[in-house]
Amino acid sequence: MLNDLSKEKKEQIIAIGIGLVVLISALWMLVIGPQGKKLVERKGQIAQKSEELQAAETLVANAGKIGEQLGEKEKELGNVESKMASGDLYFWMNEKLEGFQRKYGYDVRIPNVEREQKINVGIYPDFAYGAVKYTVSGDALYHELGKFLATFENENPHIRVQDLDISPYIGLGEEKSSGDKLIFKMDIVALRKPVEDSE
């Protein structure tokens, strides 16, 4: 059948065939190829958005649980803050020391508690809590002082003993020490509740 056609017709058919191949190739390269790339990109975006949606649905489903956890943490914070220095800070420390002594009965005398000094905590910028430092002095037996300090700091995680200075107790007459008695001076640093109004 192709043999019956003239040379001119054969060339036209070949030209049309080449033109169709070029047209299809151009269509593929200019339209279908980029659309395929966009389709792959869109599928990736859809997968990413699906994951984000799933994460958001999980958060929404857990909102009640998260709210409960927040409420529990607020109660814990309130409990810790209730033990922090507040109100009349000098009276607070005296009450803290006397209550501790009543509770445990250590043979530690602390007759001198100096007025508090407000100090910066310096842990983090814009830290919500301030601190107060008390210088206290007294006398105690060696082991009693050690137990007192360990128990006092362990029971009060918001209080730290610093700059402990101890020396042998030298009494006069009947008060003469057996060698186990010490005199001490130390700083007690306590976090204090945040104050709403500026001080």
Protein backbone atom coordinates (compact mmCIF):
# COMPACT_ATOMS: atom_id res chain seq x y z
CA MET A 1 0.00 0.00 0.00
CA LEU A 2 2.79 2.44 0.81
CA ASN A 3 4.53 1.35 -2.37
CA ASP A 4 1.59 2.58 -4.43
CA LEU A 5 1.94 6.12 -3.06
CA SER A 6 3.98 8.73 -4.73
CA LYS A 7 7.25 9.91 -3.34
CA GLU A 8 5.63 13.19 -2.36
CA LYS A 9 2.87 11.46 -0.39
CA LYS A 10 5.41 9.20 1.34
CA GLU A 11 7.40 12.26 2.39
CA GLN A 12 4.23 13.92 3.67
CA ILE A 13 3.31 10.82 5.70
CA ILE A 14 6.86 10.62 7.11
CA ALA A 15 6.77 14.37 7.91
CA ILE A 16 3.38 13.97 9.61
CA GLY A 17 4.78 11.00 11.61
CA ILE A 18 7.87 12.97 12.64
CA GLY A 19 5.67 15.95 13.47
CA LEU A 20 3.42 13.76 15.64
CA VAL A 21 6.47 12.31 17.46
CA VAL A 22 7.85 15.84 18.03
CA LEU A 23 4.42 17.09 19.12
CA ILE A 24 3.90 14.19 21.52
CA SER A 25 7.45 14.61 22.89
CA ALA A 26 6.94 18.36 23.35
CA LEU A 27 3.55 17.74 24.99
CA TRP A 28 5.17 15.21 27.34
CA MET A 29 8.09 17.47 28.23
CA LEU A 30 6.13 20.70 28.57
CA VAL A 31 2.83 19.55 30.06
CA ILE A 32 2.73 15.98 31.33
CA GLY A 33 6.25 15.84 32.90
CA PRO A 34 5.87 18.98 35.03
CA GLN A 35 2.34 17.93 36.00
CA GLY A 36 3.73 14.57 37.13
CA LYS A 37 6.34 16.34 39.28
CA LYS A 38 3.65 18.57 40.76
CA LEU A 39 1.53 15.50 41.44
CA VAL A 40 4.39 13.87 43.34
CA GLU A 41 4.95 17.10 45.31
CA ARG A 42 1.23 17.31 46.11
CA LYS A 43 1.18 13.70 47.31
CA GLY A 44 4.09 14.52 49.65
CA GLN A 45 2.28 17.61 50.94
CA ILE A 46 -0.90 15.60 51.46
CA ALA A 47 1.05 12.99 53.44
CA GLN A 48 2.67 15.74 55.56
CA LYS A 49 -0.66 17.45 56.21
CA SER A 50 -2.20 14.09 57.10
CA GLU A 51 0.50 13.55 59.71
CA GLU A 52 -0.05 17.07 61.08
CA LEU A 53 -3.80 16.44 61.18
CA GLN A 54 -3.25 13.18 63.02
CA ALA A 55 -0.99 14.95 65.56
CA ALA A 56 -3.61 17.67 66.03
CA GLU A 57 -6.37 15.08 66.50
CA THR A 58 -4.20 13.33 69.10
CA LEU A 59 -3.73 16.63 70.95
CA VAL A 60 -7.46 17.32 70.85
CA ALA A 61 -8.19 13.80 72.07
CA ASN A 62 -5.67 14.25 74.91
CA ALA A 63 -6.76 17.80 75.80
CA GLY A 64 -8.69 16.59 78.84
CA LYS A 65 -5.76 14.53 80.05
CA ILE A 66 -3.35 17.42 79.48
CA GLY A 67 -5.72 19.73 81.36
CA GLU A 68 -5.80 17.28 84.29
CA GLN A 69 -2.00 17.05 84.29
CA LEU A 70 -1.78 20.85 84.25
CA GLY A 71 -4.17 21.02 87.20
CA GLU A 72 -2.07 18.47 89.12
CA LYS A 73 1.14 20.40 88.40
CA GLU A 74 -0.50 23.66 89.50
CA LYS A 75 -1.49 21.97 92.78
CA GLU A 76 2.07 20.68 93.24
CA LEU A 77 3.44 24.15 92.55
CA GLY A 78 0.95 25.67 95.00
CA ASN A 79 2.01 23.13 97.63
CA VAL A 80 5.70 23.94 97.13
CA GLU A 81 5.02 27.70 97.10
CA SER A 82 3.03 27.41 100.35
CA LYS A 83 6.26 26.24 102.04
CA MET A 84 8.33 29.13 100.65
CA ALA A 85 9.17 32.26 102.56
CA SER A 86 6.28 34.71 102.57
CA GLY A 87 4.67 37.42 104.66
CA ASP A 88 6.88 38.69 107.49
CA LEU A 89 10.10 37.02 106.34
CA TYR A 90 11.92 37.34 109.67
CA PHE A 91 9.01 35.81 111.56
CA TRP A 92 8.69 33.11 108.89
CA MET A 93 12.29 31.91 109.39
CA ASN A 94 12.03 31.96 113.19
CA GLU A 95 8.83 29.92 112.97
CA LYS A 96 10.44 27.54 110.48
CA LEU A 97 13.44 26.89 112.76
CA GLU A 98 11.36 26.59 115.95
CA GLY A 99 8.83 24.28 114.27
CA PHE A 100 11.64 22.12 112.94
CA GLN A 101 13.22 21.92 116.40
CA ARG A 102 9.86 20.97 117.97
CA LYS A 103 9.33 18.27 115.36
CA TYR A 104 12.77 16.62 115.57
CA GLY A 105 14.16 17.74 118.92
CA TYR A 106 17.79 18.04 117.86
CA ASP A 107 20.09 19.49 120.53
CA VAL A 108 20.90 22.56 118.44
CA ARG A 109 20.53 26.02 119.93
CA ILE A 110 20.05 28.90 117.49
CA PRO A 111 19.64 32.00 119.65
CA ASN A 112 20.70 34.45 116.96
CA VAL A 113 18.76 34.86 113.70
CA GLU A 114 19.63 38.09 111.91
CA ARG A 115 17.12 40.01 109.81
CA GLU A 116 16.71 38.76 106.28
CA GLN A 117 18.52 40.18 103.28
CA LYS A 118 16.74 40.02 99.94
CA ILE A 119 19.06 38.65 97.27
CA ASN A 120 18.80 37.78 93.59
CA VAL A 121 18.61 34.11 92.75
CA GLY A 122 20.41 34.50 89.43
CA ILE A 123 19.46 31.07 88.09
CA TYR A 124 17.58 32.17 84.99
CA PRO A 125 16.73 35.55 83.52
CA ASP A 126 13.29 36.71 84.65
CA PHE A 127 13.17 33.97 87.31
CA ALA A 128 9.83 34.34 89.08
CA TYR A 129 11.15 33.76 92.58
CA GLY A 130 13.33 35.89 94.78
CA ALA A 131 15.46 34.73 97.67
CA VAL A 132 16.19 35.81 101.19
CA LYS A 133 19.31 35.13 103.19
CA TYR A 134 19.41 34.80 106.95
CA THR A 135 22.62 34.63 108.95
CA VAL A 136 22.12 32.41 111.99
CA SER A 137 24.47 31.33 114.76
CA GLY A 138 24.36 29.03 117.71
CA ASP A 139 25.90 25.96 119.29
CA ALA A 140 25.36 22.21 119.06
CA LEU A 141 26.97 18.86 119.49
CA TYR A 142 28.90 17.74 116.42
CA HIS A 143 26.60 14.86 115.42
CA GLU A 144 23.43 16.76 116.29
CA LEU A 145 24.44 19.63 114.02
CA GLY A 146 25.16 17.22 111.16
CA LYS A 147 21.77 15.50 111.53
CA PHE A 148 20.03 18.85 111.91
CA LEU A 149 21.54 20.25 108.70
CA ALA A 150 20.89 17.09 106.64
CA THR A 151 17.29 16.76 107.78
CA PHE A 152 16.59 20.49 107.47
CA GLU A 153 17.79 20.67 103.85
CA ASN A 154 16.13 17.40 102.85
CA GLU A 155 12.79 18.43 104.31
CA ASN A 156 12.97 21.90 102.76
CA PRO A 157 14.11 21.59 99.13
CA HIS A 158 13.68 25.34 98.60
CA ILE A 159 16.16 26.15 101.40
CA ARG A 160 19.96 25.84 101.29
CA VAL A 161 22.61 26.23 103.97
CA GLN A 162 25.65 28.16 102.79
CA ASP A 163 28.89 29.50 104.24
CA LEU A 164 28.87 27.20 107.27
CA ASP A 165 31.57 28.23 109.73
CA ILE A 166 32.16 25.93 112.71
CA SER A 167 34.66 26.07 115.54
CA PRO A 168 35.09 24.30 118.88
CA TYR A 169 32.95 25.55 121.75
CA ILE A 170 35.05 26.92 124.58
CA GLY A 171 32.93 27.36 127.66
CA LEU A 172 33.88 28.69 131.06
CA GLY A 173 33.67 26.79 134.34
CA GLU A 174 30.89 24.20 134.35
CA GLU A 175 30.08 24.94 130.73
CA LYS A 176 33.51 23.79 129.60
CA SER A 177 33.11 21.63 126.47
CA SER A 178 33.97 17.97 126.19
CA GLY A 179 35.24 18.59 122.65
CA ASP A 180 32.11 17.49 120.79
CA LYS A 181 30.34 20.79 121.18
CA LEU A 182 30.66 23.36 118.41
CA ILE A 183 29.67 26.92 117.75
CA PHE A 184 28.50 27.69 114.26
CA LYS A 185 27.51 30.49 112.00
CA MET A 186 25.82 29.94 108.65
CA ASP A 187 23.68 31.55 106.01
CA ILE A 188 20.31 30.05 105.25
CA VAL A 189 19.05 30.97 101.78
CA ALA A 190 15.35 30.43 101.08
CA LEU A 191 13.32 30.99 97.95
CA ARG A 192 10.41 33.32 98.50
CA LYS A 193 7.05 33.44 96.80
CA PRO A 194 6.70 35.77 93.85
CA VAL A 195 5.13 39.02 94.87
CA GLU A 196 2.47 40.39 92.51
CA ASP A 197 3.19 44.03 93.26
CA SER A 198 6.69 45.43 92.88
CA GLU A 199 8.80 45.70 96.00
